[in-house]
Amino acid sequence: MLERKILQRLLEWKDSPDKKSLVVQGARQVGKTFSIEQFGTSEYPECLTINFKETPSAASIFQGDLSVDGMVTALRFRYPQAHIKPRETLIFLDEIQECPEAITSLKFWTGDSRYDVIASGSMLGLDYGRPSSYPVGYVDYLRMTGLDFEEYLWARGVGHDLTGLLRSAFDKREPVPQAIHEQVFKYFREFCALGGMPEVVQKFIDTDDFREADAVQRSLLEGYLYDIAHYATPVEKIKAERCFLSIAGQLLGKENHKFQYKLVEQGGKASKFYSSIDWLVRADIAAQSVNVTKPAYDLTDYEDEGNFRLYCCDLSLLLAMRDFGLKQRIVENTLSGNTKGGLYESIIADALLKNGHELHFLRNTTTKREIDFLIQVDGRVIPIETKGGRSAANSLTVMMKSSPDIEVAYKIADANVGTSDMGIVTIPHYMAMFL
């Protein structure tokens, strides 16, 4: 059984004295249903799951009276085996995007406060099926992603004591003992070849076979393409699919990773495809990193919106867009050229997104200087440069000299932890999970 960090956050929600109904968002197949049901069965005497995709007729429960007493009565008729007691039953409304009235009901569950209610679903960032009365102010939100590298280490049997040692080395900016450093890098390359989708990771843990995991990745990719076809409007679905499937070529096939519409379609332009990019982002299928003209707070004030990079919501999907040989090169550490640079950039983007960061980058065509990532923490801009090997971080050095407001920067490389007198901290790729 995979250990997921979201369980701790669900416990914090349960123990909050003024909690609201909880909406767990995230892309499909990242483990939302499994984790919430695991939490419900371990923390409550009863967990009642209503899955609106599996049982569409359950929507009738929410088509009449939305008073809590009325809904509880309807639930008891529908599920006579359930007790549904206040403060003892967790009510889990799964795939809630399929039932707009159930989304509206969250307002009333929160206002009543006798029952703990968690809703979950994908595509919740879209206007599709959105009710006229959305429960703004009546719900708490929690976003879930695929496994990060720390969760993968736990899945591989690495205990919290060792991951705690790695975190301590990151915090203290001290090198990791070499034997541990080399073994963790081995696990990291496995993770890079698998991605963080729970089904992919579990298949590899069970079989120790990358080909078995590869088959799951490709099945998941087909599932995402089905979701695009199912949920996107007729105008968007073909364009969104083309944009999505072009991500691998945009990142792994060229030196400049700016998203280029001409790679989607010959002569392609933003006027035709930008709405499809927006749809993919709102659907949690892809994520953007936007270029900025200045590395200063607030980065959103300096965005060049038409200049962006696009990443898959999880590495598992990116890897499924390439043949099996890419995995072998990752694990054997024999990548080179644009593929290596693009892949490692995608790996760090994956780690930063899973830590909840909004991504920006800086690429100056005049000076040819480029910073792979800029994130904001507590009102401070932190630049990050990614290296596939151990080359110098020249752009970071120039930025630190010319930007006195920036206190610290990170160079992520095939190296151990180290610091420079310029305020640049070098960390190994696997420590991106701590940023």
Protein backbone atom coordinates (compact mmCIF):
# COMPACT_ATOMS: atom_id res chain seq x y z
CA MET A 1 0.00 0.00 0.00
CA LEU A 2 1.42 3.37 -1.03
CA GLU A 3 1.89 5.92 1.73
CA ARG A 4 0.55 9.33 0.68
CA LYS A 5 1.18 12.73 2.28
CA ILE A 6 -2.42 13.79 1.72
CA LEU A 7 -3.52 11.59 4.65
CA GLN A 8 -1.84 13.98 7.10
CA ARG A 9 -3.57 16.94 5.49
CA LEU A 10 -6.92 15.16 5.69
CA LEU A 11 -6.31 14.58 9.40
CA GLU A 12 -5.60 18.27 9.87
CA TRP A 13 -8.89 19.06 8.12
CA LYS A 14 -10.81 16.60 10.32
CA ASP A 15 -9.37 18.12 13.50
CA SER A 16 -10.04 21.72 12.45
CA PRO A 17 -12.68 23.26 14.74
CA ASP A 18 -14.21 25.39 11.98
CA LYS A 19 -13.91 23.03 9.02
CA LYS A 20 -16.09 23.27 5.96
CA SER A 21 -16.96 20.62 3.41
CA LEU A 22 -13.75 19.64 1.63
CA VAL A 23 -13.21 19.50 -2.12
CA VAL A 24 -10.19 17.42 -3.17
CA GLN A 25 -9.12 18.44 -6.66
CA GLY A 26 -6.59 16.92 -8.99
CA ALA A 27 -6.01 15.13 -12.25
CA ARG A 28 -7.50 11.72 -12.90
CA GLN A 29 -5.80 8.62 -11.47
CA VAL A 30 -3.58 10.44 -8.94
CA GLY A 31 -5.10 8.44 -6.06
CA LYS A 32 -7.87 10.71 -4.78
CA THR A 33 -10.52 8.02 -4.33
CA PHE A 34 -8.20 5.47 -2.74
CA SER A 35 -6.68 7.95 -0.30
CA ILE A 36 -9.99 9.44 0.81
CA GLU A 37 -11.59 6.03 1.34
CA GLN A 38 -8.50 4.86 3.25
CA PHE A 39 -8.80 7.95 5.43
CA GLY A 40 -12.54 7.49 5.89
CA THR A 41 -12.37 3.85 6.94
CA SER A 42 -9.48 4.45 9.36
CA GLU A 43 -10.74 7.67 10.98
CA TYR A 44 -14.54 7.24 11.10
CA PRO A 45 -16.84 4.44 12.29
CA GLU A 46 -18.49 4.65 8.86
CA CYS A 47 -17.53 5.94 5.41
CA LEU A 48 -20.31 6.21 2.83
CA THR A 49 -19.07 6.64 -0.74
CA ILE A 50 -21.35 7.88 -3.52
CA ASN A 51 -19.61 7.66 -6.90
CA PHE A 52 -21.62 9.58 -9.47
CA LYS A 53 -19.76 8.15 -12.44
CA GLU A 54 -20.18 4.57 -11.26
CA THR A 55 -23.80 5.11 -10.16
CA PRO A 56 -25.32 7.98 -12.16
CA SER A 57 -28.76 7.34 -10.69
CA ALA A 58 -27.47 8.47 -7.28
CA ALA A 59 -27.79 12.02 -8.60
CA SER A 60 -31.52 11.77 -7.86
CA ILE A 61 -30.70 12.11 -4.15
CA PHE A 62 -29.76 15.74 -4.78
CA GLN A 63 -32.46 16.74 -7.25
CA GLY A 64 -35.09 17.63 -4.70
CA ASP A 65 -34.88 19.06 -1.21
CA LEU A 66 -31.29 20.07 -0.40
CA SER A 67 -31.87 20.47 3.32
CA VAL A 68 -29.46 18.25 5.23
CA ASP A 69 -32.29 16.28 6.86
CA GLY A 70 -33.87 15.76 3.45
CA MET A 71 -30.60 14.56 1.91
CA VAL A 72 -29.86 12.25 4.83
CA THR A 73 -33.32 10.71 4.55
CA ALA A 74 -32.79 10.16 0.82
CA LEU A 75 -29.37 8.62 1.48
CA ARG A 76 -30.83 6.22 4.05
CA PHE A 77 -33.48 5.06 1.59
CA ARG A 78 -30.86 4.61 -1.12
CA TYR A 79 -28.31 2.91 1.17
CA PRO A 80 -30.36 1.10 3.85
CA GLN A 81 -27.26 -0.65 5.18
CA ALA A 82 -25.69 2.71 6.14
CA HIS A 83 -26.26 4.28 9.56
CA ILE A 84 -25.30 7.87 8.57
CA LYS A 85 -24.83 9.29 12.05
CA PRO A 86 -23.71 12.85 12.80
CA ARG A 87 -19.96 13.11 13.49
CA GLU A 88 -19.56 9.36 12.97
CA THR A 89 -20.14 9.02 9.22
CA LEU A 90 -17.88 10.50 6.57
CA ILE A 91 -19.94 11.21 3.45
CA PHE A 92 -17.71 10.97 0.37
CA LEU A 93 -19.13 12.38 -2.87
CA ASP A 94 -16.81 11.00 -5.54
CA GLU A 95 -16.67 12.12 -9.19
CA ILE A 96 -18.82 15.05 -8.12
CA GLN A 97 -18.30 16.85 -11.42
CA GLU A 98 -20.95 14.48 -12.79
CA CYS A 99 -23.63 15.89 -10.45
CA PRO A 100 -23.87 19.71 -10.34
CA GLU A 101 -26.62 19.59 -7.71
CA ALA A 102 -24.30 17.67 -5.37
CA ILE A 103 -21.77 20.47 -5.75
CA THR A 104 -24.48 22.95 -4.74
CA SER A 105 -25.35 20.77 -1.72
CA LEU A 106 -21.91 21.34 -0.18
CA LYS A 107 -23.10 24.77 0.95
CA PHE A 108 -25.84 23.17 3.04
CA TRP A 109 -23.67 20.40 4.49
CA THR A 110 -21.25 23.09 5.67
CA GLY A 111 -23.97 25.32 7.08
CA ASP A 112 -25.47 22.43 9.05
CA SER A 113 -22.03 21.21 10.32
CA ARG A 114 -23.28 17.89 11.75
CA TYR A 115 -21.70 15.76 9.03
CA ASP A 116 -18.18 15.65 7.62
CA VAL A 117 -18.36 15.73 3.82
CA ILE A 118 -15.55 15.31 1.30
CA ALA A 119 -16.10 15.75 -2.42
CA SER A 120 -13.64 14.72 -5.08
CA GLY A 121 -13.39 14.81 -8.83
CA SER A 122 -11.36 15.75 -11.85
CA MET A 123 -12.16 18.52 -14.35
CA LEU A 124 -13.46 20.70 -11.49
CA GLY A 125 -11.62 23.70 -12.91
CA LEU A 126 -13.91 23.70 -15.95
CA ASP A 127 -17.24 25.40 -16.45
CA TYR A 128 -18.63 22.06 -17.64
CA GLY A 129 -21.71 21.20 -15.63
CA ARG A 130 -21.08 23.94 -13.09
CA PRO A 131 -24.23 24.71 -11.09
CA SER A 132 -25.66 28.20 -10.98
CA SER A 133 -25.18 28.24 -7.21
CA TYR A 134 -21.56 27.29 -6.62
CA PRO A 135 -20.72 27.06 -2.89
CA VAL A 136 -18.18 29.89 -2.82
CA GLY A 137 -17.04 30.46 0.76
CA TYR A 138 -18.56 27.21 1.99
CA VAL A 139 -15.83 24.75 1.03
CA ASP A 140 -12.17 24.16 1.74
CA TYR A 141 -9.95 23.00 -1.11
CA LEU A 142 -7.13 20.51 -1.21
CA ARG A 143 -5.17 19.67 -4.33
CA MET A 144 -3.73 16.20 -4.86
CA THR A 145 -1.06 15.16 -7.35
CA GLY A 146 0.75 11.98 -8.23
CA LEU A 147 3.52 10.74 -5.95
CA ASP A 148 6.48 13.00 -5.39
CA PHE A 149 9.96 11.50 -5.03
CA GLU A 150 9.77 11.29 -1.23
CA GLU A 151 6.59 9.22 -1.47
CA TYR A 152 8.31 7.05 -4.08
CA LEU A 153 11.17 6.42 -1.66
CA TRP A 154 8.66 5.29 0.96
CA ALA A 155 7.12 2.97 -1.64
CA ARG A 156 10.57 1.47 -2.28
CA GLY A 157 10.93 0.72 1.43
CA VAL A 158 13.12 3.69 2.33
CA GLY A 159 12.11 4.75 5.83
CA HIS A 160 11.28 8.18 7.17
CA ASP A 161 14.58 8.18 9.04
CA LEU A 162 16.53 8.27 5.78
CA THR A 163 14.28 10.80 4.06
CA GLY A 164 14.60 12.85 7.25
CA LEU A 165 18.38 12.67 6.89
CA LEU A 166 18.09 13.98 3.33
CA ARG A 167 15.85 16.83 4.45
CA SER A 168 18.28 17.71 7.24
CA ALA A 169 21.15 17.84 4.73
CA PHE A 170 19.05 20.16 2.55
CA ASP A 171 18.13 22.44 5.44
CA LYS A 172 21.69 22.59 6.79
CA ARG A 173 23.23 22.74 3.31
CA GLU A 174 25.52 19.86 4.10
CA PRO A 175 26.61 17.07 1.72
CA VAL A 176 24.82 13.74 1.89
CA PRO A 177 27.14 10.80 2.71
CA GLN A 178 28.40 9.53 -0.64
CA ALA A 179 27.10 5.97 -0.36
CA ILE A 180 23.60 7.22 0.46
CA HIS A 181 23.83 9.92 -2.22
CA GLU A 182 24.60 7.34 -4.92
CA GLN A 183 21.83 4.97 -3.83
CA VAL A 184 19.23 7.77 -3.70
CA PHE A 185 20.26 8.85 -7.20
CA LYS A 186 19.63 5.28 -8.36
CA TYR A 187 16.11 5.43 -6.95
CA PHE A 188 15.67 8.89 -8.43
CA ARG A 189 16.44 7.67 -11.94
CA GLU A 190 13.85 4.91 -11.43
CA PHE A 191 11.31 7.54 -10.43
CA CYS A 192 12.19 9.66 -13.46
CA ALA A 193 11.48 6.66 -15.71
CA LEU A 194 8.18 5.90 -13.98
CA GLY A 195 6.64 9.20 -12.96
CA GLY A 196 4.32 9.53 -10.01
CA MET A 197 1.02 8.00 -11.07
CA PRO A 198 0.13 5.54 -8.27
CA GLU A 199 -0.89 2.70 -10.58
CA VAL A 200 2.41 2.94 -12.45
CA VAL A 201 4.47 2.98 -9.27
CA GLN A 202 2.50 0.10 -7.73
CA LYS A 203 2.92 -2.00 -10.88
CA PHE A 204 6.68 -1.48 -10.77
CA ILE A 205 6.86 -2.25 -7.04
CA ASP A 206 4.90 -5.47 -7.63
CA THR A 207 6.77 -6.66 -10.74
CA ASP A 208 10.14 -4.87 -10.77
CA ASP A 209 9.54 -4.64 -14.53
CA PHE A 210 9.72 -1.35 -16.41
CA ARG A 211 7.84 -2.84 -19.37
CA GLU A 212 4.88 -3.67 -17.15
CA ALA A 213 4.96 -0.11 -15.81
CA ASP A 214 5.26 1.24 -19.36
CA ALA A 215 2.03 -0.54 -20.34
CA VAL A 216 0.22 1.16 -17.46
CA GLN A 217 1.62 4.56 -18.47
CA ARG A 218 0.29 4.13 -22.00
CA SER A 219 -3.10 3.03 -20.72
CA LEU A 220 -3.28 6.14 -18.52
CA LEU A 221 -2.37 8.35 -21.48
CA GLU A 222 -5.25 6.84 -23.44
CA GLY A 223 -7.51 7.59 -20.49
CA TYR A 224 -6.48 11.24 -20.53
CA LEU A 225 -7.14 11.44 -24.26
CA TYR A 226 -10.58 9.96 -23.59
CA ASP A 227 -11.24 12.66 -20.98
CA ILE A 228 -10.31 15.36 -23.48
CA ALA A 229 -12.73 13.85 -25.99
CA HIS A 230 -15.44 13.47 -23.33
CA TYR A 231 -15.23 16.78 -21.47
CA ALA A 232 -13.89 19.29 -23.98
CA THR A 233 -16.37 21.16 -26.14
CA PRO A 234 -16.66 20.05 -29.78
CA VAL A 235 -14.72 23.16 -30.80
CA GLU A 236 -11.83 22.42 -28.43
CA LYS A 237 -11.43 18.63 -28.26
CA ILE A 238 -9.31 18.05 -31.39
CA LYS A 239 -7.19 21.15 -30.79
CA ALA A 240 -6.68 20.31 -27.10
CA GLU A 241 -5.61 16.76 -27.96
CA ARG A 242 -3.08 18.02 -30.51
CA CYS A 243 -1.64 20.54 -28.06
CA PHE A 244 -1.39 17.91 -25.34
CA LEU A 245 0.33 15.34 -27.54
CA SER A 246 2.82 17.96 -28.75
CA ILE A 247 4.23 18.49 -25.23
CA ALA A 248 6.91 15.80 -25.57
CA GLY A 249 8.21 17.31 -28.79
CA GLN A 250 8.09 20.82 -27.33
CA LEU A 251 10.25 19.77 -24.35
CA LEU A 252 12.41 16.89 -25.55
CA GLY A 253 12.87 17.62 -29.22
CA LYS A 254 14.36 21.12 -29.29
CA GLU A 255 16.70 23.39 -27.35
CA ASN A 256 14.25 26.23 -26.79
CA HIS A 257 11.35 24.86 -24.77
CA LYS A 258 8.97 27.73 -25.46
CA PHE A 259 5.63 26.32 -26.57
CA GLN A 260 5.39 26.80 -30.33
CA TYR A 261 2.04 26.48 -32.10
CA LYS A 262 3.75 25.58 -35.37
CA LEU A 263 4.72 22.27 -33.76
CA VAL A 264 1.05 21.55 -33.14
CA GLU A 265 0.05 22.29 -36.71
CA GLN A 266 1.94 23.73 -39.65
CA GLY A 267 1.26 27.45 -39.60
CA GLY A 268 -0.46 27.14 -36.21
CA LYS A 269 -1.13 30.37 -34.32
CA ALA A 270 -2.15 31.44 -30.83
CA SER A 271 -5.48 32.73 -32.11
CA LYS A 272 -6.45 29.16 -32.96
CA PHE A 273 -4.88 27.15 -30.14
CA TYR A 274 -4.52 29.34 -27.02
CA SER A 275 -8.04 28.58 -25.76
CA SER A 276 -7.14 24.87 -25.96
CA ILE A 277 -4.04 25.45 -23.83
CA ASP A 278 -6.22 27.24 -21.28
CA TRP A 279 -8.63 24.29 -21.28
CA LEU A 280 -5.83 21.78 -20.62
CA VAL A 281 -4.53 23.84 -17.70
CA ARG A 282 -7.96 24.31 -16.12
CA ALA A 283 -8.63 20.59 -16.54
CA ASP A 284 -5.46 19.75 -14.52
CA ILE A 285 -4.04 17.91 -17.52
CA ALA A 286 -1.17 20.33 -18.12
CA ALA A 287 0.58 23.20 -16.33
CA GLN A 288 2.17 26.37 -17.65
CA SER A 289 5.39 28.19 -16.82
CA VAL A 290 5.24 31.79 -18.05
CA ASN A 291 8.18 33.94 -19.09
CA VAL A 292 8.76 37.16 -17.13
CA THR A 293 10.54 40.30 -18.21
CA LYS A 294 12.00 40.97 -14.76
CA PRO A 295 12.95 38.68 -11.83
CA ALA A 296 11.11 40.74 -9.22
CA TYR A 297 8.15 40.34 -6.88
CA ASP A 298 5.31 39.96 -7.85
CA LEU A 299 6.29 37.83 -10.84
CA THR A 300 2.75 37.90 -12.24
CA ASP A 301 3.16 41.65 -12.83
CA TYR A 302 5.98 40.96 -15.30
CA GLU A 303 4.47 38.06 -17.26
CA ASP A 304 4.88 37.83 -21.01
CA GLU A 305 1.73 35.73 -21.40
CA GLY A 306 2.35 34.65 -24.97
CA ASN A 307 5.74 33.18 -24.07
CA PHE A 308 5.26 30.05 -22.01
CA ARG A 309 6.25 26.43 -21.54
CA LEU A 310 3.79 23.60 -21.08
CA TYR A 311 4.29 20.53 -18.89
CA CYS A 312 2.24 17.38 -18.34
CA CYS A 313 0.51 17.09 -14.97
CA ASP A 314 2.76 14.11 -14.21
CA LEU A 315 5.94 12.63 -15.67
CA SER A 316 4.11 9.34 -16.28
CA LEU A 317 2.18 10.94 -19.14
CA LEU A 318 5.21 12.63 -20.70
CA LEU A 319 7.08 9.32 -20.71
CA ALA A 320 4.14 7.55 -22.36
CA MET A 321 4.52 9.95 -25.31
CA ARG A 322 7.94 8.46 -26.11
CA ASP A 323 9.06 4.92 -26.83
CA PHE A 324 10.34 2.50 -24.22
CA GLY A 325 13.99 3.24 -25.05
CA LEU A 326 13.77 6.56 -23.19
CA LYS A 327 13.31 4.70 -19.90
CA GLN A 328 16.41 2.63 -20.50
CA ARG A 329 18.48 5.75 -21.18
CA ILE A 330 17.15 7.41 -18.02
CA VAL A 331 17.93 4.45 -15.77
CA GLU A 332 21.37 3.91 -17.34
CA ASN A 333 22.08 7.67 -17.16
CA THR A 334 23.02 7.82 -20.84
CA LEU A 335 20.77 10.70 -21.93
CA SER A 336 22.30 13.50 -23.97
CA GLY A 337 21.49 16.62 -25.96
CA ASN A 338 18.09 18.28 -26.04
CA THR A 339 16.36 15.20 -24.69
CA LYS A 340 18.44 15.27 -21.50
CA GLY A 341 18.00 19.00 -20.97
CA GLY A 342 14.27 18.91 -21.62
CA LEU A 343 13.68 15.85 -19.47
CA TYR A 344 15.53 17.20 -16.45
CA GLU A 345 13.69 20.50 -16.79
CA SER A 346 10.41 18.54 -16.82
CA ILE A 347 11.51 16.55 -13.76
CA ILE A 348 12.17 19.70 -11.74
CA ALA A 349 8.94 21.29 -12.98
CA ASP A 350 7.13 18.17 -11.76
CA ALA A 351 8.67 18.49 -8.29
CA LEU A 352 7.91 22.21 -8.01
CA LEU A 353 4.32 21.81 -9.17
CA LYS A 354 3.76 19.01 -6.66
CA ASN A 355 4.93 21.40 -3.94
CA GLY A 356 2.26 23.87 -5.01
CA HIS A 357 4.43 26.45 -6.78
CA GLU A 358 3.33 28.57 -9.71
CA LEU A 359 6.08 28.45 -12.31
CA HIS A 360 7.83 31.23 -14.19
CA PHE A 361 11.06 31.39 -16.15
CA LEU A 362 13.24 34.13 -17.60
CA ARG A 363 14.66 34.00 -21.09
CA ASN A 364 16.29 37.15 -22.47
CA THR A 365 16.80 36.86 -26.21
CA THR A 366 19.15 39.86 -26.23
CA THR A 367 21.60 38.72 -23.56
CA LYS A 368 20.94 35.01 -24.17
CA ARG A 369 20.62 34.57 -20.42
CA GLU A 370 18.08 32.04 -19.21
CA ILE A 371 16.82 31.01 -15.77
CA ASP A 372 14.84 27.78 -15.91
CA PHE A 373 12.51 28.52 -13.01
CA LEU A 374 11.51 31.41 -10.80
CA ILE A 375 9.30 30.70 -7.79
CA GLN A 376 8.01 32.92 -4.99
CA VAL A 377 8.18 32.04 -1.30
CA ASP A 378 7.00 34.49 1.37
CA GLY A 379 7.27 37.42 -1.01
CA ARG A 380 10.78 36.50 -2.15
CA VAL A 381 11.77 35.48 -5.65
CA ILE A 382 13.96 32.38 -5.81
CA PRO A 383 15.70 31.57 -9.11
CA ILE A 384 16.49 27.96 -10.00
CA GLU A 385 18.76 26.67 -12.73
CA THR A 386 18.64 23.03 -13.79
CA LYS A 387 21.65 21.16 -15.12
CA GLY A 388 21.62 17.65 -16.53
CA GLY A 389 25.28 17.35 -15.51
CA ARG A 390 27.64 19.55 -13.50
CA SER A 391 28.22 22.56 -15.75
CA ALA A 392 28.52 26.07 -14.32
CA ALA A 393 25.43 28.14 -13.58
CA ASN A 394 26.55 31.26 -15.43
CA SER A 395 23.10 32.84 -15.73
CA LEU A 396 22.51 32.45 -12.00
CA THR A 397 25.84 34.09 -11.23
CA VAL A 398 25.00 37.09 -13.41
CA MET A 399 21.55 37.40 -11.84
CA MET A 400 22.89 37.29 -8.28
CA LYS A 401 25.36 40.06 -9.11
CA SER A 402 22.72 42.28 -10.70
CA SER A 403 19.74 41.59 -8.42
CA PRO A 404 20.54 42.51 -4.79
CA ASP A 405 16.97 41.72 -3.67
CA ILE A 406 17.48 38.04 -4.43
CA GLU A 407 18.97 36.41 -1.35
CA VAL A 408 19.33 32.80 -2.45
CA ALA A 409 19.34 30.82 -5.68
CA TYR A 410 19.49 27.10 -6.42
CA LYS A 411 21.54 25.20 -8.94
CA ILE A 412 20.12 21.69 -9.35
CA ALA A 413 22.68 19.32 -10.80
CA ASP A 414 24.22 15.86 -10.82
CA ALA A 415 26.17 16.81 -7.69
CA ASN A 416 26.05 16.77 -3.91
CA VAL A 417 25.01 19.69 -1.70
CA GLY A 418 27.28 22.73 -1.70
CA THR A 419 27.21 26.52 -1.41
CA SER A 420 28.99 29.47 -2.96
CA ASP A 421 29.75 32.92 -1.60
CA MET A 422 27.35 34.32 -4.22
CA GLY A 423 24.35 32.85 -2.38
CA ILE A 424 23.98 30.00 -4.86
CA VAL A 425 23.14 26.65 -3.27
CA THR A 426 23.89 23.52 -5.27
CA ILE A 427 21.62 20.57 -4.60
CA PRO A 428 21.23 17.17 -6.31
CA HIS A 429 18.20 16.69 -8.56
CA TYR A 430 16.42 14.53 -6.04
CA MET A 431 16.33 17.36 -3.47
CA ALA A 432 13.97 19.40 -5.63
CA MET A 433 11.27 17.66 -3.58
CA PHE A 434 12.24 19.93 -0.66
CA LEU A 435 11.97 23.25 -2.49
